[in-house]
Amino acid sequence: MDPTLEKSYIADEVTRCIHIGLLCVQEDAADKPTMSGVVVMLASDTMTLPHPNHPAFSVGRMALGDSSTSKNSKDPSINDVTVSHIAPR
């Protein structure tokens, strides 16, 4: 969370919302909760949430030394996939 918002939220509630969000993006559709289940999870503070499995899509962080491409290469693609950098106006 943004440090400037630190006093305007409850950390446990944010963590719970992130956990529920991770449950909603699991790879296997059978593992995803229904919308009514999500509403119950959000409304209940005492309900124990299941552990999420691997999400269907994730963007991992890569350390500078982890890149398999040449360090002198000006092409930012990895495995011949183009990487686009989108900058807002």
C-alpha atoms as a PDB file:
ATOM      1  CA  MET A   1       0.000   0.000   0.000  1.00  0.00           C
ATOM      2  CA  ASP A   2       1.022   3.569  -0.551  1.00  0.00           C
ATOM      3  CA  PRO A   3       2.682   4.891   2.631  1.00  0.00           C
ATOM      4  CA  THR A   4       0.686   8.140   2.398  1.00  0.00           C
ATOM      5  CA  LEU A   5      -2.519   6.111   2.877  1.00  0.00           C
ATOM      6  CA  GLU A   6      -1.157   4.264   5.911  1.00  0.00           C
ATOM      7  CA  LYS A   7      -3.648   5.693   8.410  1.00  0.00           C
ATOM      8  CA  SER A   8      -6.690   5.345   6.137  1.00  0.00           C
ATOM      9  CA  TYR A   9      -6.902   1.544   5.931  1.00  0.00           C
ATOM     10  CA  ILE A  10      -6.788  -1.533   8.144  1.00  0.00           C
ATOM     11  CA  ALA A  11      -3.890  -3.774   7.120  1.00  0.00           C
ATOM     12  CA  ASP A  12      -5.740  -7.026   7.913  1.00  0.00           C
ATOM     13  CA  GLU A  13      -8.632  -6.007   5.654  1.00  0.00           C
ATOM     14  CA  VAL A  14      -6.283  -5.188   2.779  1.00  0.00           C
ATOM     15  CA  THR A  15      -4.482  -8.526   3.224  1.00  0.00           C
ATOM     16  CA  ARG A  16      -7.827 -10.350   3.257  1.00  0.00           C
ATOM     17  CA  CYS A  17      -8.953  -8.590   0.045  1.00  0.00           C
ATOM     18  CA  ILE A  18      -5.678  -9.507  -1.681  1.00  0.00           C
ATOM     19  CA  HIS A  19      -6.081 -13.129  -0.526  1.00  0.00           C
ATOM     20  CA  ILE A  20      -9.628 -13.257  -1.921  1.00  0.00           C
ATOM     21  CA  GLY A  21      -8.391 -11.687  -5.167  1.00  0.00           C
ATOM     22  CA  LEU A  22      -5.760 -14.420  -5.478  1.00  0.00           C
ATOM     23  CA  LEU A  23      -8.473 -17.048  -5.000  1.00  0.00           C
ATOM     24  CA  CYS A  24     -10.402 -15.459  -7.895  1.00  0.00           C
ATOM     25  CA  VAL A  25      -7.508 -15.709 -10.383  1.00  0.00           C
ATOM     26  CA  GLN A  26      -6.507 -19.331  -9.855  1.00  0.00           C
ATOM     27  CA  GLU A  27      -5.631 -21.257 -12.991  1.00  0.00           C
ATOM     28  CA  ASP A  28      -8.246 -24.001 -12.594  1.00  0.00           C
ATOM     29  CA  ALA A  29     -11.782 -22.602 -12.826  1.00  0.00           C
ATOM     30  CA  ALA A  30     -13.023 -25.275 -10.407  1.00  0.00           C
ATOM     31  CA  ASP A  31     -10.772 -23.782  -7.705  1.00  0.00           C
ATOM     32  CA  LYS A  32     -12.163 -20.260  -8.120  1.00  0.00           C
ATOM     33  CA  PRO A  33     -14.883 -19.158  -5.694  1.00  0.00           C
ATOM     34  CA  THR A  34     -18.337 -18.218  -6.947  1.00  0.00           C
ATOM     35  CA  MET A  35     -19.442 -14.593  -6.699  1.00  0.00           C
ATOM     36  CA  SER A  36     -21.757 -15.470  -3.825  1.00  0.00           C
ATOM     37  CA  GLY A  37     -18.789 -17.141  -2.124  1.00  0.00           C
ATOM     38  CA  VAL A  38     -16.697 -13.990  -2.621  1.00  0.00           C
ATOM     39  CA  VAL A  39     -19.457 -11.884  -1.043  1.00  0.00           C
ATOM     40  CA  VAL A  40     -19.558 -14.225   1.973  1.00  0.00           C
ATOM     41  CA  MET A  41     -15.741 -14.117   2.278  1.00  0.00           C
ATOM     42  CA  LEU A  42     -15.723 -10.314   2.158  1.00  0.00           C
ATOM     43  CA  ALA A  43     -18.532 -10.036   4.716  1.00  0.00           C
ATOM     44  CA  SER A  44     -17.057 -12.506   7.216  1.00  0.00           C
ATOM     45  CA  ASP A  45     -14.089 -11.607   9.381  1.00  0.00           C
ATOM     46  CA  THR A  46     -13.909 -15.040  10.988  1.00  0.00           C
ATOM     47  CA  MET A  47     -14.163 -17.296   7.927  1.00  0.00           C
ATOM     48  CA  THR A  48     -10.962 -19.225   7.238  1.00  0.00           C
ATOM     49  CA  LEU A  49      -9.906 -18.735   3.621  1.00  0.00           C
ATOM     50  CA  PRO A  50      -8.399 -21.600   1.603  1.00  0.00           C
ATOM     51  CA  HIS A  51      -4.841 -21.228   0.345  1.00  0.00           C
ATOM     52  CA  PRO A  52      -4.758 -20.059  -3.285  1.00  0.00           C
ATOM     53  CA  ASN A  53      -3.071 -22.193  -5.924  1.00  0.00           C
ATOM     54  CA  HIS A  54      -0.940 -20.866  -8.772  1.00  0.00           C
ATOM     55  CA  PRO A  55      -2.674 -17.966 -10.586  1.00  0.00           C
ATOM     56  CA  ALA A  56      -3.602 -18.326 -14.250  1.00  0.00           C
ATOM     57  CA  PHE A  57      -1.326 -15.422 -15.148  1.00  0.00           C
ATOM     58  CA  SER A  58       1.417 -13.790 -13.163  1.00  0.00           C
ATOM     59  CA  VAL A  59       4.203 -11.375 -13.846  1.00  0.00           C
ATOM     60  CA  GLY A  60       7.250 -12.322 -11.829  1.00  0.00           C
ATOM     61  CA  ARG A  61      10.100 -10.086 -10.918  1.00  0.00           C
ATOM     62  CA  MET A  62      13.430 -10.733 -12.543  1.00  0.00           C
ATOM     63  CA  ALA A  63      16.711  -9.703 -10.992  1.00  0.00           C
ATOM     64  CA  LEU A  64      19.215  -7.949 -13.221  1.00  0.00           C
ATOM     65  CA  GLY A  65      21.493 -10.993 -13.345  1.00  0.00           C
ATOM     66  CA  ASP A  66      18.648 -13.417 -14.144  1.00  0.00           C
ATOM     67  CA  SER A  67      18.200 -12.385 -17.763  1.00  0.00           C
ATOM     68  CA  SER A  68      19.202 -15.024 -20.265  1.00  0.00           C
ATOM     69  CA  THR A  69      19.722 -12.483 -23.047  1.00  0.00           C
ATOM     70  CA  SER A  70      22.993 -10.776 -23.768  1.00  0.00           C
ATOM     71  CA  LYS A  71      23.739  -7.841 -21.482  1.00  0.00           C
ATOM     72  CA  ASN A  72      24.960  -5.814 -24.453  1.00  0.00           C
ATOM     73  CA  SER A  73      21.805  -6.434 -26.462  1.00  0.00           C
ATOM     74  CA  LYS A  74      19.583  -3.404 -27.084  1.00  0.00           C
ATOM     75  CA  ASP A  75      16.620  -5.669 -27.851  1.00  0.00           C
ATOM     76  CA  PRO A  76      14.483  -5.904 -24.673  1.00  0.00           C
ATOM     77  CA  SER A  77      12.763  -9.105 -25.813  1.00  0.00           C
ATOM     78  CA  ILE A  78      13.175 -12.454 -24.146  1.00  0.00           C
ATOM     79  CA  ASN A  79      12.538 -15.667 -26.087  1.00  0.00           C
ATOM     80  CA  ASP A  80      11.650 -13.652 -29.203  1.00  0.00           C
ATOM     81  CA  VAL A  81       8.640 -12.078 -27.475  1.00  0.00           C
ATOM     82  CA  THR A  82       8.306  -8.319 -27.849  1.00  0.00           C
ATOM     83  CA  VAL A  83       8.157  -6.324 -24.627  1.00  0.00           C
ATOM     84  CA  SER A  84       6.072  -3.164 -24.790  1.00  0.00           C
ATOM     85  CA  HIS A  85       6.481  -0.336 -22.302  1.00  0.00           C
ATOM     86  CA  ILE A  86       3.247   1.582 -21.870  1.00  0.00           C
ATOM     87  CA  ALA A  87       3.536   5.076 -20.398  1.00  0.00           C
ATOM     88  CA  PRO A  88       0.432   7.064 -19.409  1.00  0.00           C
ATOM     89  CA  ARG A  89       0.058  10.647 -20.509  1.00  0.00           C
END
